[in-house]
N, C-alpha and C. Protein backbone atom coordinates (compact mmCIF):
# COMPACT_ATOMS: atom_id res chain seq x y z
N MET A 1 89.22 112.06 98.99
CA MET A 1 89.46 112.89 100.69
C MET A 1 90.21 112.50 101.13
N ASP A 2 92.10 113.60 101.79
CA ASP A 2 92.15 113.33 102.45
C ASP A 2 92.36 112.88 103.90
N ASP A 3 92.44 112.40 104.56
CA ASP A 3 92.34 112.81 105.62
C ASP A 3 92.98 113.74 107.27
N THR A 4 93.20 114.83 106.07
CA THR A 4 92.98 116.18 107.14
C THR A 4 92.23 116.71 107.68
N SER A 5 91.61 116.61 105.83
CA SER A 5 90.16 117.51 105.66
C SER A 5 88.75 116.90 106.93
N ASN A 6 89.24 115.93 107.88
CA ASN A 6 88.45 115.47 108.76
C ASN A 6 89.24 116.63 109.72
N PRO A 7 88.27 116.66 110.96
CA PRO A 7 89.18 117.70 111.53
C PRO A 7 89.04 116.64 113.30
N ASP A 8 88.39 115.22 112.64
CA ASP A 8 88.71 114.35 114.36
C ASP A 8 89.95 113.59 113.98
N SER A 9 90.73 113.76 112.23
CA SER A 9 91.93 113.32 112.38
C SER A 9 92.88 113.24 112.98
N PRO A 10 93.58 111.83 113.14
CA PRO A 10 95.19 112.05 114.00
C PRO A 10 95.72 113.17 113.17
N LEU A 11 95.75 112.55 112.05
CA LEU A 11 96.77 113.92 111.00
C LEU A 11 96.90 114.89 111.19
N ARG A 12 95.02 114.79 111.04
CA ARG A 12 94.53 116.89 110.78
C ARG A 12 95.52 116.99 113.05
N SER A 13 95.35 116.62 113.55
CA SER A 13 95.76 116.84 115.42
C SER A 13 97.53 116.56 115.90
N ALA A 14 98.04 115.82 114.71
CA ALA A 14 99.77 115.24 114.45
C ALA A 14 100.31 116.43 114.26
N CYS A 15 100.05 116.47 112.89
CA CYS A 15 100.78 117.15 111.69
C CYS A 15 101.39 118.87 112.95
N PRO A 16 99.86 119.69 113.18
CA PRO A 16 100.34 120.87 113.07
C PRO A 16 101.79 120.82 114.07
N PRO A 17 101.89 120.13 115.40
CA PRO A 17 102.64 119.92 116.46
C PRO A 17 104.10 119.82 116.04
N LEU A 18 104.13 119.02 114.25
CA LEU A 18 105.79 118.03 114.53
C LEU A 18 106.23 119.18 113.11
N VAL A 19 104.93 120.72 112.24
CA VAL A 19 105.33 121.28 111.58
C VAL A 19 105.52 122.26 112.52
N GLU A 20 105.59 122.41 113.81
CA GLU A 20 105.47 123.13 114.49
C GLU A 20 107.53 122.99 115.25
N ALA A 21 107.47 122.47 114.69
CA ALA A 21 108.65 121.31 115.81
C ALA A 21 109.70 122.07 114.22
N ALA A 22 109.59 121.24 113.07
CA ALA A 22 110.05 121.40 112.41
C ALA A 22 111.02 122.60 111.63
N TRP A 23 109.55 123.32 112.12
CA TRP A 23 110.27 125.00 112.15
C TRP A 23 111.31 126.00 112.79
N LEU A 24 110.37 125.21 114.40
CA LEU A 24 111.97 125.40 115.57
C LEU A 24 112.85 125.03 115.47
N TYR A 25 112.61 124.09 114.48
CA TYR A 25 114.05 123.56 114.59
C TYR A 25 115.22 123.59 113.67
N GLN A 26 114.87 124.12 112.35
CA GLN A 26 115.09 124.94 111.88
C GLN A 26 115.78 126.47 111.83
N ALA A 27 115.35 127.01 112.62
CA ALA A 27 115.58 127.96 113.26
C ALA A 27 115.47 128.06 114.77
N ASP A 28 117.07 126.75 114.72
CA ASP A 28 117.88 126.75 115.70
C ASP A 28 117.01 127.19 117.05
N GLN A 29 115.42 126.96 117.66
CA GLN A 29 115.35 127.48 118.47
C GLN A 29 114.77 126.59 119.34
N VAL A 30 114.93 124.95 118.98
CA VAL A 30 113.78 123.87 119.97
C VAL A 30 115.78 122.44 119.90
N CYS A 31 115.71 122.77 120.75
CA CYS A 31 116.97 121.47 121.40
C CYS A 31 116.68 120.38 120.75
N PRO A 32 117.82 119.65 120.17
CA PRO A 32 117.47 118.62 119.71
C PRO A 32 117.16 117.14 120.41
N GLU A 33 117.28 117.22 121.77
CA GLU A 33 116.55 116.44 122.86
C GLU A 33 115.27 116.37 122.95
N HIS A 34 114.22 117.28 122.12
CA HIS A 34 113.36 117.63 122.95
C HIS A 34 112.99 117.14 122.39
N LEU A 35 113.63 116.16 120.63
CA LEU A 35 112.53 115.93 119.28
C LEU A 35 112.18 114.44 119.28
N PRO A 36 112.43 113.38 120.44
CA PRO A 36 111.70 111.93 121.05
C PRO A 36 110.62 112.89 121.41
N MET A 37 110.46 113.36 122.27
CA MET A 37 108.98 113.41 122.53
C MET A 37 107.87 114.22 121.75
N THR A 38 108.26 114.42 120.42
CA THR A 38 107.63 115.22 119.51
C THR A 38 106.87 114.33 119.41
N ALA A 39 107.52 113.28 118.16
CA ALA A 39 107.54 112.03 117.81
C ALA A 39 106.46 111.17 118.61
N ALA A 40 106.89 110.61 119.71
CA ALA A 40 106.71 109.99 120.33
C ALA A 40 104.82 110.79 120.19
N GLN A 41 105.19 112.07 121.48
CA GLN A 41 103.11 112.29 120.89
C GLN A 41 102.75 112.16 119.35
N ALA A 42 103.46 112.47 118.45
CA ALA A 42 102.70 112.36 117.30
C ALA A 42 102.32 111.14 116.86
N LEU A 43 102.99 109.70 117.27
CA LEU A 43 103.14 108.55 117.20
C LEU A 43 101.70 108.34 118.65
N ALA A 44 101.54 109.01 119.57
CA ALA A 44 100.35 109.13 120.40
C ALA A 44 98.94 109.06 119.36
N THR A 45 98.75 110.18 119.03
CA THR A 45 98.21 111.08 117.82
C THR A 45 97.66 109.75 117.31
N GLY A 46 97.64 108.41 116.64
CA GLY A 46 97.78 108.62 115.41
C GLY A 46 98.97 108.33 114.26
N MET A 47 99.55 109.02 113.99
CA MET A 47 100.72 108.48 113.07
C MET A 47 102.15 107.87 112.93
N ASP A 48 101.89 106.58 112.72
CA ASP A 48 102.05 105.89 112.63
C ASP A 48 103.41 105.90 111.60
N THR A 49 104.58 106.58 111.51
CA THR A 49 105.99 106.39 110.11
C THR A 49 107.07 105.82 110.81
N PRO A 50 107.61 105.28 110.01
CA PRO A 50 108.75 104.53 110.73
C PRO A 50 109.92 105.63 111.04
N ALA A 51 109.86 106.79 110.91
CA ALA A 51 110.84 107.26 110.86
C ALA A 51 110.70 107.83 112.70
N LEU A 52 109.33 108.38 112.30
CA LEU A 52 109.02 109.35 113.75
C LEU A 52 109.18 107.84 114.53
N CYS A 53 108.67 106.88 114.53
CA CYS A 53 108.95 105.39 116.10
C CYS A 53 110.66 105.44 116.07
N GLU A 54 111.23 105.78 114.74
CA GLU A 54 112.97 105.32 115.03
C GLU A 54 113.54 106.27 116.26
N LEU A 55 112.80 107.79 116.45
CA LEU A 55 112.61 108.36 116.67
C LEU A 55 112.71 108.35 118.21
N ALA A 56 111.92 108.17 118.52
CA ALA A 56 110.45 108.33 119.53
C ALA A 56 111.41 107.43 120.18
N VAL A 57 112.02 105.81 119.34
CA VAL A 57 112.62 105.58 120.83
C VAL A 57 113.71 106.19 121.16
N GLN A 58 114.79 106.81 120.07
CA GLN A 58 116.01 107.65 121.05
C GLN A 58 116.18 108.41 121.94
N SER A 59 116.80 108.14 123.01
CA SER A 59 116.80 108.64 124.28
C SER A 59 117.67 110.97 123.78
N GLY A 60 117.40 111.14 124.55
CA GLY A 60 117.18 112.94 123.96
C GLY A 60 118.80 112.61 124.45
N ASP A 61 119.96 111.95 124.88
CA ASP A 61 121.97 112.19 124.60
C ASP A 61 122.10 111.49 123.10
N ALA A 62 120.68 111.24 122.50
CA ALA A 62 121.20 110.14 121.42
C ALA A 62 121.08 111.11 120.01
N VAL A 63 119.57 112.01 120.16
CA VAL A 63 119.90 112.59 119.26
C VAL A 63 120.71 114.48 119.16
N HIS A 64 120.88 114.04 117.38
CA HIS A 64 122.73 114.14 116.71
C HIS A 64 122.06 115.56 115.68
N PRO A 65 122.16 117.00 115.69
CA PRO A 65 121.38 117.54 114.65
C PRO A 65 122.52 117.34 113.39
């Protein structure tokens, strides 16, 4: 059984905002400068991946599409 089936799982609570951010980014509805905060929020919920860590420590000015 994967962790997303548990309603209290950090993955279950972190994925929807990341999925939403990805869709909005692809639709050109979110500024790249906001992505580090989205990554930091996902990290705070327990989703720990190298890519999220790298994105979270970038300043909003340094993020380029």
